């Protein structure tokens, strides 16, 4: 729950209602390191029954008490933006999420991609 609360660097309680982040696998390494494979799963399903989702992985290090002391989440933001577009087309994207996260993130990505052209 703590991870979900700040998954995208903001309050997950507003606009992310109906989203889940199920784990597909947890892989253990040495020195208290884990890799988790999970999905960003939006609300509802597509017409063909598939979920609206995009994959992600987390690289996690645990401390001596088995608490997370370091975490890096990796997922394809362009794919996540496409997922949000698909959700909006289906009438399932929260207007708050669009205004507070999707549009600002698209603007940030556009600025980054336009740099040094």
PDB file of N, CA and C in Angstrom:
ATOM      1  N   UNK A   1       0.818  -1.199   0.000  1.00  0.00           N
ATOM      2  CA  UNK A   1       0.000   0.000   0.000  1.00  0.00           C
ATOM      3  C   UNK A   1       0.861   1.262   0.000  1.00  0.00           C
ATOM      4  N   UNK A   2       1.997   1.226   0.733  1.00  0.00           N
ATOM      5  CA  UNK A   2       2.883   2.389   0.743  1.00  0.00           C
ATOM      6  C   UNK A   2       3.436   2.663  -0.646  1.00  0.00           C
ATOM      7  N   UNK A   3       3.776   1.594  -1.360  1.00  0.00           N
ATOM      8  CA  UNK A   3       4.298   1.759  -2.718  1.00  0.00           C
ATOM      9  C   UNK A   3       3.205   2.313  -3.620  1.00  0.00           C
ATOM     10  N   UNK A   4       2.014   1.743  -3.532  1.00  0.00           N
ATOM     11  CA  UNK A   4       0.907   2.208  -4.366  1.00  0.00           C
ATOM     12  C   UNK A   4       0.596   3.680  -4.094  1.00  0.00           C
ATOM     13  N   UNK A   5       0.750   4.106  -2.852  1.00  0.00           N
ATOM     14  CA  UNK A   5       0.420   5.487  -2.489  1.00  0.00           C
ATOM     15  C   UNK A   5       1.272   6.507  -3.223  1.00  0.00           C
ATOM     16  N   UNK A   6       2.455   6.125  -3.639  1.00  0.00           N
ATOM     17  CA  UNK A   6       3.348   7.078  -4.306  1.00  0.00           C
ATOM     18  C   UNK A   6       3.901   6.525  -5.611  1.00  0.00           C
ATOM     19  N   UNK A   7       3.216   5.574  -6.210  1.00  0.00           N
ATOM     20  CA  UNK A   7       3.730   4.883  -7.390  1.00  0.00           C
ATOM     21  C   UNK A   7       4.149   5.829  -8.509  1.00  0.00           C
ATOM     22  N   UNK A   8       3.404   6.841  -8.756  1.00  0.00           N
ATOM     23  CA  UNK A   8       3.727   7.782  -9.827  1.00  0.00           C
ATOM     24  C   UNK A   8       4.186   9.127  -9.276  1.00  0.00           C
ATOM     25  N   UNK A   9       4.666   9.136  -8.046  1.00  0.00           N
ATOM     26  CA  UNK A   9       5.181  10.363  -7.467  1.00  0.00           C
ATOM     27  C   UNK A   9       4.095  11.348  -7.071  1.00  0.00           C
ATOM     28  N   UNK A  10       2.902  10.863  -6.883  1.00  0.00           N
ATOM     29  CA  UNK A  10       1.801  11.728  -6.484  1.00  0.00           C
ATOM     30  C   UNK A  10       0.789  10.897  -5.714  1.00  0.00           C
ATOM     31  N   UNK A  11      -0.244  11.546  -5.230  1.00  0.00           N
ATOM     32  CA  UNK A  11      -1.289  10.868  -4.474  1.00  0.00           C
ATOM     33  C   UNK A  11      -2.059   9.922  -5.389  1.00  0.00           C
ATOM     34  N   UNK A  12      -2.015   8.642  -5.085  1.00  0.00           N
ATOM     35  CA  UNK A  12      -2.704   7.655  -5.920  1.00  0.00           C
ATOM     36  C   UNK A  12      -4.197   7.555  -5.595  1.00  0.00           C
ATOM     37  N   UNK A  13      -4.661   8.250  -4.562  1.00  0.00           N
ATOM     38  CA  UNK A  13      -6.065   8.157  -4.178  1.00  0.00           C
ATOM     39  C   UNK A  13      -6.963   8.988  -5.085  1.00  0.00           C
ATOM     40  N   UNK A  14      -6.395   9.895  -5.869  1.00  0.00           N
ATOM     41  CA  UNK A  14      -7.198  10.778  -6.713  1.00  0.00           C
ATOM     42  C   UNK A  14      -6.949  10.456  -8.180  1.00  0.00           C
ATOM     43  N   UNK A  15      -7.990   9.961  -8.851  1.00  0.00           N
ATOM     44  CA  UNK A  15      -7.900   9.692 -10.280  1.00  0.00           C
ATOM     45  C   UNK A  15      -7.511   8.273 -10.639  1.00  0.00           C
ATOM     46  N   UNK A  16      -6.950   7.543  -9.701  1.00  0.00           N
ATOM     47  CA  UNK A  16      -6.487   6.178  -9.987  1.00  0.00           C
ATOM     48  C   UNK A  16      -7.482   5.129  -9.494  1.00  0.00           C
ATOM     49  N   UNK A  17      -8.684   5.546  -9.134  1.00  0.00           N
ATOM     50  CA  UNK A  17      -9.685   4.605  -8.674  1.00  0.00           C
ATOM     51  C   UNK A  17      -9.923   3.553  -9.757  1.00  0.00           C
ATOM     52  N   UNK A  18     -10.032   2.309  -9.352  1.00  0.00           N
ATOM     53  CA  UNK A  18     -10.278   1.227 -10.299  1.00  0.00           C
ATOM     54  C   UNK A  18      -9.016   0.622 -10.890  1.00  0.00           C
ATOM     55  N   UNK A  19      -7.862   1.231 -10.653  1.00  0.00           N
ATOM     56  CA  UNK A  19      -6.591   0.692 -11.128  1.00  0.00           C
ATOM     57  C   UNK A  19      -6.074  -0.328 -10.120  1.00  0.00           C
ATOM     58  N   UNK A  20      -5.436  -1.383 -10.638  1.00  0.00           N
ATOM     59  CA  UNK A  20      -4.752  -2.349  -9.790  1.00  0.00           C
ATOM     60  C   UNK A  20      -3.356  -2.565 -10.361  1.00  0.00           C
ATOM     61  N   UNK A  21      -2.503  -3.167  -9.552  1.00  0.00           N
ATOM     62  CA  UNK A  21      -1.108  -3.379  -9.937  1.00  0.00           C
ATOM     63  C   UNK A  21      -0.693  -4.802  -9.563  1.00  0.00           C
ATOM     64  N   UNK A  22      -1.351  -5.797 -10.198  1.00  0.00           N
ATOM     65  CA  UNK A  22      -1.080  -7.185  -9.803  1.00  0.00           C
ATOM     66  C   UNK A  22       0.329  -7.636 -10.187  1.00  0.00           C
ATOM     67  N   UNK A  23       0.914  -8.425  -9.291  1.00  0.00           N
ATOM     68  CA  UNK A  23       2.219  -9.034  -9.561  1.00  0.00           C
ATOM     69  C   UNK A  23       2.044 -10.257 -10.452  1.00  0.00           C
ATOM     70  N   UNK A  24       2.894 -10.386 -11.437  1.00  0.00           N
ATOM     71  CA  UNK A  24       2.934 -11.583 -12.270  1.00  0.00           C
ATOM     72  C   UNK A  24       4.044 -12.516 -11.814  1.00  0.00           C
ATOM     73  N   UNK A  25       5.036 -11.967 -11.124  1.00  0.00           N
ATOM     74  CA  UNK A  25       6.129 -12.788 -10.621  1.00  0.00           C
ATOM     75  C   UNK A  25       7.044 -11.993  -9.721  1.00  0.00           C
ATOM     76  N   UNK A  26       7.699 -12.708  -8.822  1.00  0.00           N
ATOM     77  CA  UNK A  26       8.717 -12.131  -7.949  1.00  0.00           C
ATOM     78  C   UNK A  26       9.940 -13.021  -8.070  1.00  0.00           C
ATOM     79  N   UNK A  27      11.064 -12.419  -8.358  1.00  0.00           N
ATOM     80  CA  UNK A  27      12.295 -13.161  -8.603  1.00  0.00           C
ATOM     81  C   UNK A  27      13.337 -12.717  -7.588  1.00  0.00           C
ATOM     82  N   UNK A  28      13.969 -13.677  -6.931  1.00  0.00           N
ATOM     83  CA  UNK A  28      14.934 -13.357  -5.886  1.00  0.00           C
ATOM     84  C   UNK A  28      16.359 -13.454  -6.411  1.00  0.00           C
ATOM     85  N   UNK A  29      17.187 -12.581  -5.889  1.00  0.00           N
ATOM     86  CA  UNK A  29      18.605 -12.583  -6.211  1.00  0.00           C
ATOM     87  C   UNK A  29      19.406 -12.654  -4.928  1.00  0.00           C
ATOM     88  N   UNK A  30      20.630 -12.257  -4.986  1.00  0.00           N
ATOM     89  CA  UNK A  30      21.491 -12.269  -3.804  1.00  0.00           C
ATOM     90  C   UNK A  30      21.420 -10.918  -3.093  1.00  0.00           C
ATOM     91  N   UNK A  31      21.950 -10.883  -1.890  1.00  0.00           N
ATOM     92  CA  UNK A  31      22.062  -9.635  -1.121  1.00  0.00           C
ATOM     93  C   UNK A  31      20.729  -8.917  -0.935  1.00  0.00           C
ATOM     94  N   UNK A  32      19.673  -9.664  -0.612  1.00  0.00           N
ATOM     95  CA  UNK A  32      18.346  -9.092  -0.336  1.00  0.00           C
ATOM     96  C   UNK A  32      17.780  -8.310  -1.514  1.00  0.00           C
ATOM     97  N   UNK A  33      18.033  -8.758  -2.713  1.00  0.00           N
ATOM     98  CA  UNK A  33      17.512  -8.079  -3.904  1.00  0.00           C
ATOM     99  C   UNK A  33      16.391  -8.898  -4.533  1.00  0.00           C
ATOM    100  N   UNK A  34      15.366  -8.183  -4.981  1.00  0.00           N
ATOM    101  CA  UNK A  34      14.211  -8.787  -5.641  1.00  0.00           C
ATOM    102  C   UNK A  34      13.933  -8.053  -6.938  1.00  0.00           C
ATOM    103  N   UNK A  35      13.309  -8.762  -7.857  1.00  0.00           N
ATOM    104  CA  UNK A  35      12.744  -8.141  -9.055  1.00  0.00           C
ATOM    105  C   UNK A  35      11.291  -8.579  -9.105  1.00  0.00           C
ATOM    106  N   UNK A  36      10.390  -7.616  -9.236  1.00  0.00           N
ATOM    107  CA  UNK A  36       8.974  -7.942  -9.375  1.00  0.00           C
ATOM    108  C   UNK A  36       8.504  -7.564 -10.774  1.00  0.00           C
ATOM    109  N   UNK A  37       7.658  -8.398 -11.336  1.00  0.00           N
ATOM    110  CA  UNK A  37       7.030  -8.148 -12.642  1.00  0.00           C
ATOM    111  C   UNK A  37       5.554  -7.924 -12.351  1.00  0.00           C
ATOM    112  N   UNK A  38       5.028  -6.791 -12.765  1.00  0.00           N
ATOM    113  CA  UNK A  38       3.667  -6.410 -12.432  1.00  0.00           C
ATOM    114  C   UNK A  38       3.019  -5.706 -13.619  1.00  0.00           C
ATOM    115  N   UNK A  39       1.741  -5.462 -13.482  1.00  0.00           N
ATOM    116  CA  UNK A  39       0.991  -4.770 -14.526  1.00  0.00           C
ATOM    117  C   UNK A  39       0.387  -3.488 -13.962  1.00  0.00           C
ATOM    118  N   UNK A  40       0.378  -2.436 -14.776  1.00  0.00           N
ATOM    119  CA  UNK A  40      -0.447  -1.248 -14.546  1.00  0.00           C
ATOM    120  C   UNK A  40      -1.782  -1.601 -15.189  1.00  0.00           C
ATOM    121  N   UNK A  41      -2.764  -1.959 -14.409  1.00  0.00           N
ATOM    122  CA  UNK A  41      -4.036  -2.419 -14.964  1.00  0.00           C
ATOM    123  C   UNK A  41      -5.120  -1.382 -14.707  1.00  0.00           C
ATOM    124  N   UNK A  42      -5.616  -0.799 -15.788  1.00  0.00           N
ATOM    125  CA  UNK A  42      -6.666   0.199 -15.684  1.00  0.00           C
ATOM    126  C   UNK A  42      -8.021  -0.431 -15.424  1.00  0.00           C
ATOM    127  N   UNK A  43      -9.026   0.401 -15.201  1.00  0.00           N
ATOM    128  CA  UNK A  43     -10.371  -0.109 -14.935  1.00  0.00           C
ATOM    129  C   UNK A  43     -11.001  -0.717 -16.183  1.00  0.00           C
ATOM    130  N   UNK A  44     -11.870  -1.690 -15.977  1.00  0.00           N
ATOM    131  CA  UNK A  44     -12.629  -2.282 -17.073  1.00  0.00           C
ATOM    132  C   UNK A  44     -11.811  -3.213 -17.946  1.00  0.00           C
ATOM    133  N   UNK A  45     -12.461  -3.663 -19.018  1.00  0.00           N
ATOM    134  CA  UNK A  45     -11.800  -4.536 -19.989  1.00  0.00           C
ATOM    135  C   UNK A  45     -12.121  -4.054 -21.396  1.00  0.00           C
ATOM    136  N   UNK A  46     -11.289  -4.496 -22.328  1.00  0.00           N
ATOM    137  CA  UNK A  46     -11.492  -4.167 -23.739  1.00  0.00           C
ATOM    138  C   UNK A  46     -12.668  -4.977 -24.287  1.00  0.00           C
ATOM    139  N   UNK A  47     -13.135  -4.629 -25.462  1.00  0.00           N
ATOM    140  CA  UNK A  47     -14.268  -5.333 -26.066  1.00  0.00           C
ATOM    141  C   UNK A  47     -14.003  -6.820 -26.221  1.00  0.00           C
ATOM    142  N   UNK A  48     -12.721  -7.180 -26.438  1.00  0.00           N
ATOM    143  CA  UNK A  48     -12.382  -8.597 -26.607  1.00  0.00           C
ATOM    144  C   UNK A  48     -12.124  -9.307 -25.275  1.00  0.00           C
ATOM    145  N   UNK A  49     -12.342  -8.617 -24.147  1.00  0.00           N
ATOM    146  CA  UNK A  49     -12.189  -9.221 -22.834  1.00  0.00           C
ATOM    147  C   UNK A  49     -10.819  -9.044 -22.193  1.00  0.00           C
ATOM    148  N   UNK A  50      -9.833  -8.560 -22.953  1.00  0.00           N
ATOM    149  CA  UNK A  50      -8.501  -8.332 -22.378  1.00  0.00           C
ATOM    150  C   UNK A  50      -8.536  -7.103 -21.464  1.00  0.00           C
ATOM    151  N   UNK A  51      -7.616  -7.086 -20.524  1.00  0.00           N
ATOM    152  CA  UNK A  51      -7.488  -5.923 -19.646  1.00  0.00           C
ATOM    153  C   UNK A  51      -6.834  -4.759 -20.381  1.00  0.00           C
ATOM    154  N   UNK A  52      -7.123  -3.557 -19.911  1.00  0.00           N
ATOM    155  CA  UNK A  52      -6.357  -2.371 -20.291  1.00  0.00           C
ATOM    156  C   UNK A  52      -5.137  -2.381 -19.370  1.00  0.00           C
ATOM    157  N   UNK A  53      -3.971  -2.721 -19.887  1.00  0.00           N
ATOM    158  CA  UNK A  53      -2.822  -2.840 -19.004  1.00  0.00           C
ATOM    159  C   UNK A  53      -1.511  -2.663 -19.752  1.00  0.00           C
ATOM    160  N   UNK A  54      -0.486  -2.317 -18.984  1.00  0.00           N
ATOM    161  CA  UNK A  54       0.877  -2.247 -19.508  1.00  0.00           C
ATOM    162  C   UNK A  54       1.816  -2.791 -18.433  1.00  0.00           C
ATOM    163  N   UNK A  55       2.906  -3.448 -18.845  1.00  0.00           N
ATOM    164  CA  UNK A  55       3.782  -4.114 -17.880  1.00  0.00           C
ATOM    165  C   UNK A  55       4.800  -3.178 -17.245  1.00  0.00           C
ATOM    166  N   UNK A  56       5.286  -3.599 -16.102  1.00  0.00           N
ATOM    167  CA  UNK A  56       6.370  -2.905 -15.426  1.00  0.00           C
ATOM    168  C   UNK A  56       7.181  -3.881 -14.600  1.00  0.00           C
ATOM    169  N   UNK A  57       8.356  -3.454 -14.209  1.00  0.00           N
ATOM    170  CA  UNK A  57       9.199  -4.233 -13.305  1.00  0.00           C
ATOM    171  C   UNK A  57       9.729  -3.300 -12.218  1.00  0.00           C
ATOM    172  N   UNK A  58      10.005  -3.863 -11.066  1.00  0.00           N
ATOM    173  CA  UNK A  58      10.617  -3.114  -9.968  1.00  0.00           C
ATOM    174  C   UNK A  58      11.856  -3.853  -9.507  1.00  0.00           C
ATOM    175  N   UNK A  59      12.907  -3.088  -9.281  1.00  0.00           N
ATOM    176  CA  UNK A  59      14.140  -3.606  -8.703  1.00  0.00           C
ATOM    177  C   UNK A  59      14.140  -3.152  -7.246  1.00  0.00           C
ATOM    178  N   UNK A  60      14.091  -4.102  -6.332  1.00  0.00           N
ATOM    179  CA  UNK A  60      13.891  -3.810  -4.916  1.00  0.00           C
ATOM    180  C   UNK A  60      15.060  -4.358  -4.101  1.00  0.00           C
ATOM    181  N   UNK A  61      15.524  -3.569  -3.142  1.00  0.00           N
ATOM    182  CA  UNK A  61      16.518  -4.030  -2.171  1.00  0.00           C
ATOM    183  C   UNK A  61      15.886  -3.954  -0.790  1.00  0.00           C
ATOM    184  N   UNK A  62      16.039  -5.017  -0.022  1.00  0.00           N
ATOM    185  CA  UNK A  62      15.502  -5.086   1.331  1.00  0.00           C
ATOM    186  C   UNK A  62      16.609  -4.860   2.349  1.00  0.00           C
ATOM    187  N   UNK A  63      16.239  -4.267   3.485  1.00  0.00           N
ATOM    188  CA  UNK A  63      17.220  -4.096   4.555  1.00  0.00           C
ATOM    189  C   UNK A  63      17.267  -5.362   5.416  1.00  0.00           C
ATOM    190  N   UNK A  64      18.004  -5.327   6.513  1.00  0.00           N
ATOM    191  CA  UNK A  64      18.174  -6.499   7.373  1.00  0.00           C
ATOM    192  C   UNK A  64      16.868  -6.956   8.015  1.00  0.00           C
ATOM    193  N   UNK A  65      15.883  -6.062   8.116  1.00  0.00           N
ATOM    194  CA  UNK A  65      14.569  -6.420   8.674  1.00  0.00           C
ATOM    195  C   UNK A  65      13.563  -6.754   7.576  1.00  0.00           C
ATOM    196  N   UNK A  66      14.041  -6.949   6.357  1.00  0.00           N
ATOM    197  CA  UNK A  66      13.208  -7.303   5.196  1.00  0.00           C
ATOM    198  C   UNK A  66      12.231  -6.197   4.820  1.00  0.00           C
ATOM    199  N   UNK A  67      12.602  -4.948   5.083  1.00  0.00           N
ATOM    200  CA  UNK A  67      11.809  -3.799   4.641  1.00  0.00           C
ATOM    201  C   UNK A  67      12.475  -3.203   3.408  1.00  0.00           C
ATOM    202  N   UNK A  68      11.664  -2.640   2.540  1.00  0.00           N
ATOM    203  CA  UNK A  68      12.203  -2.035   1.323  1.00  0.00           C
ATOM    204  C   UNK A  68      13.039  -0.813   1.692  1.00  0.00           C
ATOM    205  N   UNK A  69      14.288  -0.804   1.253  1.00  0.00           N
ATOM    206  CA  UNK A  69      15.141   0.365   1.497  1.00  0.00           C
ATOM    207  C   UNK A  69      15.508   1.064   0.187  1.00  0.00           C
ATOM    208  N   UNK A  70      15.280   0.403  -0.934  1.00  0.00           N
ATOM    209  CA  UNK A  70      15.546   1.018  -2.241  1.00  0.00           C
ATOM    210  C   UNK A  70      14.618   0.359  -3.262  1.00  0.00           C
ATOM    211  N   UNK A  71      14.073   1.180  -4.148  1.00  0.00           N
ATOM    212  CA  UNK A  71      13.191   0.650  -5.187  1.00  0.00           C
ATOM    213  C   UNK A  71      13.281   1.513  -6.432  1.00  0.00           C
ATOM    214  N   UNK A  72      13.379   0.850  -7.565  1.00  0.00           N
ATOM    215  CA  UNK A  72      13.348   1.521  -8.860  1.00  0.00           C
ATOM    216  C   UNK A  72      12.280   0.841  -9.699  1.00  0.00           C
ATOM    217  N   UNK A  73      11.256   1.592 -10.094  1.00  0.00           N
ATOM    218  CA  UNK A  73      10.187   1.077 -10.947  1.00  0.00           C
ATOM    219  C   UNK A  73      10.476   1.465 -12.383  1.00  0.00           C
ATOM    220  N   UNK A  74      10.307   0.516 -13.297  1.00  0.00           N
ATOM    221  CA  UNK A  74      10.586   0.757 -14.706  1.00  0.00           C
ATOM    222  C   UNK A  74       9.377   0.313 -15.530  1.00  0.00           C
ATOM    223  N   UNK A  75       8.883   1.240 -16.355  1.00  0.00           N
ATOM    224  CA  UNK A  75       7.828   0.902 -17.306  1.00  0.00           C
ATOM    225  C   UNK A  75       7.891   1.891 -18.453  1.00  0.00           C
ATOM    226  N   UNK A  76       7.294   1.543 -19.549  1.00  0.00           N
ATOM    227  CA  UNK A  76       7.338   2.337 -20.771  1.00  0.00           C
ATOM    228  C   UNK A  76       6.274   3.438 -20.701  1.00  0.00           C
ATOM    229  N   UNK A  77       6.717   4.686 -20.491  1.00  0.00           N
ATOM    230  CA  UNK A  77       5.762   5.796 -20.375  1.00  0.00           C
ATOM    231  C   UNK A  77       4.972   6.024 -21.657  1.00  0.00           C
ATOM    232  N   UNK A  78       5.589   5.819 -22.810  1.00  0.00           N
ATOM    233  CA  UNK A  78       4.847   5.987 -24.067  1.00  0.00           C
ATOM    234  C   UNK A  78       3.713   4.972 -24.137  1.00  0.00           C
ATOM    235  N   UNK A  79       3.979   3.750 -23.728  1.00  0.00           N
ATOM    236  CA  UNK A  79       2.933   2.724 -23.714  1.00  0.00           C
ATOM    237  C   UNK A  79       1.860   3.068 -22.687  1.00  0.00           C
ATOM    238  N   UNK A  80       2.274   3.628 -21.547  1.00  0.00           N
ATOM    239  CA  UNK A  80       1.309   4.030 -20.528  1.00  0.00           C
ATOM    240  C   UNK A  80       0.411   5.158 -21.044  1.00  0.00           C
ATOM    241  N   UNK A  81       0.967   6.092 -21.807  1.00  0.00           N
ATOM    242  CA  UNK A  81       0.164   7.170 -22.393  1.00  0.00           C
ATOM    243  C   UNK A  81      -0.841   6.596 -23.393  1.00  0.00           C
ATOM    244  N   UNK A  82      -0.408   5.624 -24.193  1.00  0.00           N
ATOM    245  CA  UNK A  82      -1.308   4.953 -25.149  1.00  0.00           C
ATOM    246  C   UNK A  82      -2.419   4.239 -24.390  1.00  0.00           C
ATOM    247  N   UNK A  83      -2.064   3.590 -23.290  1.00  0.00           N
ATOM    248  CA  UNK A  83      -3.059   2.920 -22.467  1.00  0.00           C
ATOM    249  C   UNK A  83      -4.098   3.922 -21.961  1.00  0.00           C
ATOM    250  N   UNK A  84      -3.646   5.070 -21.496  1.00  0.00           N
ATOM    251  CA  UNK A  84      -4.576   6.103 -21.018  1.00  0.00           C
ATOM    252  C   UNK A  84      -5.444   6.628 -22.158  1.00  0.00           C
ATOM    253  N   UNK A  85      -4.878   6.767 -23.356  1.00  0.00           N
ATOM    254  CA  UNK A  85      -5.679   7.172 -24.519  1.00  0.00           C
ATOM    255  C   UNK A  85      -6.758   6.134 -24.810  1.00  0.00           C
ATOM    256  N   UNK A  86      -6.390   4.855 -24.752  1.00  0.00           N
ATOM    257  CA  UNK A  86      -7.365   3.780 -24.981  1.00  0.00           C
ATOM    258  C   UNK A  86      -8.462   3.803 -23.924  1.00  0.00           C
ATOM    259  N   UNK A  87      -8.086   4.050 -22.673  1.00  0.00           N
ATOM    260  CA  UNK A  87      -9.081   4.145 -21.607  1.00  0.00           C
ATOM    261  C   UNK A  87     -10.014   5.333 -21.831  1.00  0.00           C
ATOM    262  N   UNK A  88      -9.459   6.453 -22.276  1.00  0.00           N
ATOM    263  CA  UNK A  88     -10.306   7.618 -22.548  1.00  0.00           C
ATOM    264  C   UNK A  88     -11.271   7.324 -23.692  1.00  0.00           C
ATOM    265  N   UNK A  89     -10.782   6.678 -24.744  1.00  0.00           N
ATOM    266  CA  UNK A  89     -11.653   6.311 -25.868  1.00  0.00           C
ATOM    267  C   UNK A  89     -12.800   5.413 -25.417  1.00  0.00           C
ATOM    268  N   UNK A  90     -12.550   4.580 -24.405  1.00  0.00           N
ATOM    269  CA  UNK A  90     -13.572   3.669 -23.885  1.00  0.00           C
ATOM    270  C   UNK A  90     -14.432   4.322 -22.803  1.00  0.00           C
ATOM    271  N   UNK A  91     -14.157   5.597 -22.487  1.00  0.00           N
ATOM    272  CA  UNK A  91     -14.916   6.297 -21.458  1.00  0.00           C
ATOM    273  C   UNK A  91     -14.547   5.885 -20.042  1.00  0.00           C
ATOM    274  N   UNK A  92     -13.345   5.336 -19.854  1.00  0.00           N
ATOM    275  CA  UNK A  92     -12.941   4.814 -18.553  1.00  0.00           C
ATOM    276  C   UNK A  92     -11.823   5.601 -17.871  1.00  0.00           C
ATOM    277  N   UNK A  93     -11.295   6.625 -18.524  1.00  0.00           N
ATOM    278  CA  UNK A  93     -10.213   7.402 -17.919  1.00  0.00           C
ATOM    279  C   UNK A  93     -10.789   8.499 -17.036  1.00  0.00           C
ATOM    280  N   UNK A  94     -10.334   8.556 -15.812  1.00  0.00           N
ATOM    281  CA  UNK A  94     -10.778   9.596 -14.889  1.00  0.00           C
ATOM    282  C   UNK A  94     -10.377  10.971 -15.425  1.00  0.00           C
ATOM    283  N   UNK A  95     -11.317  11.934 -15.480  1.00  0.00           N
ATOM    284  CA  UNK A  95     -10.953  13.291 -15.899  1.00  0.00           C
ATOM    285  C   UNK A  95      -9.866  13.901 -15.008  1.00  0.00           C
ATOM    286  N   UNK A  96      -9.895  13.589 -13.704  1.00  0.00           N
ATOM    287  CA  UNK A  96      -8.859  14.092 -12.791  1.00  0.00           C
ATOM    288  C   UNK A  96      -7.494  13.532 -13.163  1.00  0.00           C
ATOM    289  N   UNK A  97      -7.442  12.246 -13.467  1.00  0.00           N
ATOM    290  CA  UNK A  97      -6.175  11.622 -13.840  1.00  0.00           C
ATOM    291  C   UNK A  97      -5.635  12.238 -15.122  1.00  0.00           C
ATOM    292  N   UNK A  98      -6.526  12.484 -16.073  1.00  0.00           N
ATOM    293  CA  UNK A  98      -6.095  13.103 -17.327  1.00  0.00           C
ATOM    294  C   UNK A  98      -5.487  14.481 -17.059  1.00  0.00           C
ATOM    295  N   UNK A  99      -6.181  15.306 -16.274  1.00  0.00           N
ATOM    296  CA  UNK A  99      -5.718  16.670 -16.020  1.00  0.00           C
ATOM    297  C   UNK A  99      -4.477  16.723 -15.137  1.00  0.00           C
ATOM    298  N   UNK A 100      -4.432  15.868 -14.127  1.00  0.00           N
ATOM    299  CA  UNK A 100      -3.370  15.970 -13.128  1.00  0.00           C
ATOM    300  C   UNK A 100      -2.136  15.134 -13.438  1.00  0.00           C
ATOM    301  N   UNK A 101      -2.264  14.112 -14.312  1.00  0.00           N
ATOM    302  CA  UNK A 101      -1.097  13.274 -14.582  1.00  0.00           C
ATOM    303  C   UNK A 101      -0.844  13.054 -16.075  1.00  0.00           C
ATOM    304  N   UNK A 102      -1.875  12.656 -16.821  1.00  0.00           N
ATOM    305  CA  UNK A 102      -1.664  12.292 -18.231  1.00  0.00           C
ATOM    306  C   UNK A 102      -1.182  13.488 -19.048  1.00  0.00           C
ATOM    307  N   UNK A 103      -1.928  14.595 -19.039  1.00  0.00           N
ATOM    308  CA  UNK A 103      -1.531  15.748 -19.856  1.00  0.00           C
ATOM    309  C   UNK A 103      -0.185  16.335 -19.421  1.00  0.00           C
ATOM    310  N   UNK A 104       0.066  16.530 -18.109  1.00  0.00           N
ATOM    311  CA  UNK A 104       1.400  17.016 -17.723  1.00  0.00           C
ATOM    312  C   UNK A 104       2.527  16.058 -18.120  1.00  0.00           C
ATOM    313  N   UNK A 105       2.294  14.753 -18.028  1.00  0.00           N
ATOM    314  CA  UNK A 105       3.327  13.791 -18.400  1.00  0.00           C
ATOM    315  C   UNK A 105       3.572  13.814 -19.906  1.00  0.00           C
ATOM    316  N   UNK A 106       2.506  13.940 -20.697  1.00  0.00           N
ATOM    317  CA  UNK A 106       2.684  14.037 -22.155  1.00  0.00           C
ATOM    318  C   UNK A 106       3.489  15.284 -22.512  1.00  0.00           C
ATOM    319  N   UNK A 107       3.186  16.408 -21.859  1.00  0.00           N
ATOM    320  CA  UNK A 107       3.944  17.642 -22.118  1.00  0.00           C
ATOM    321  C   UNK A 107       5.415  17.471 -21.745  1.00  0.00           C
ATOM    322  N   UNK A 108       5.675  16.838 -20.630  1.00  0.00           N
ATOM    323  CA  UNK A 108       7.057  16.596 -20.202  1.00  0.00           C
ATOM    324  C   UNK A 108       7.786  15.707 -21.211  1.00  0.00           C
ATOM    325  N   UNK A 109       7.141  14.651 -21.657  1.00  0.00           N
ATOM    326  CA  UNK A 109       7.757  13.756 -22.646  1.00  0.00           C
ATOM    327  C   UNK A 109       8.026  14.484 -23.958  1.00  0.00           C
ATOM    328  N   UNK A 110       7.070  15.317 -24.393  1.00  0.00           N
ATOM    329  CA  UNK A 110       7.261  16.075 -25.636  1.00  0.00           C
ATOM    330  C   UNK A 110       8.459  17.013 -25.526  1.00  0.00           C
ATOM    331  N   UNK A 111       8.605  17.696 -24.383  1.00  0.00           N
ATOM    332  CA  UNK A 111       9.764  18.583 -24.179  1.00  0.00           C
ATOM    333  C   UNK A 111      11.072  17.799 -24.204  1.00  0.00           C
ATOM    334  N   UNK A 112      11.083  16.666 -23.555  1.00  0.00           N
ATOM    335  CA  UNK A 112      12.299  15.853 -23.524  1.00  0.00           C
ATOM    336  C   UNK A 112      12.660  15.336 -24.909  1.00  0.00           C
ATOM    337  N   UNK A 113      11.660  14.927 -25.675  1.00  0.00           N
ATOM    338  CA  UNK A 113      11.918  14.398 -27.016  1.00  0.00           C
ATOM    339  C   UNK A 113      12.347  15.490 -27.988  1.00  0.00           C
ATOM    340  N   UNK A 114      11.905  16.728 -27.760  1.00  0.00           N
ATOM    341  CA  UNK A 114      12.251  17.837 -28.658  1.00  0.00           C
ATOM    342  C   UNK A 114      13.645  18.404 -28.378  1.00  0.00           C
ATOM    343  N   UNK A 115      14.220  18.060 -27.274  1.00  0.00           N
ATOM    344  CA  UNK A 115      15.527  18.609 -26.877  1.00  0.00           C
ATOM    345  C   UNK A 115      16.642  18.114 -27.805  1.00  0.00           C
ATOM    346  N   UNK A 116      17.545  19.009 -28.122  1.00  0.00           N
ATOM    347  CA  UNK A 116      18.740  18.687 -28.921  1.00  0.00           C
ATOM    348  C   UNK A 116      18.417  18.143 -30.312  1.00  0.00           C
ATOM    349  N   UNK A 117      17.396  18.681 -30.933  1.00  0.00           N
ATOM    350  CA  UNK A 117      17.072  18.264 -32.304  1.00  0.00           C
ATOM    351  C   UNK A 117      17.792  19.138 -33.280  1.00  0.00           C
TER     352      UNK A 117
END
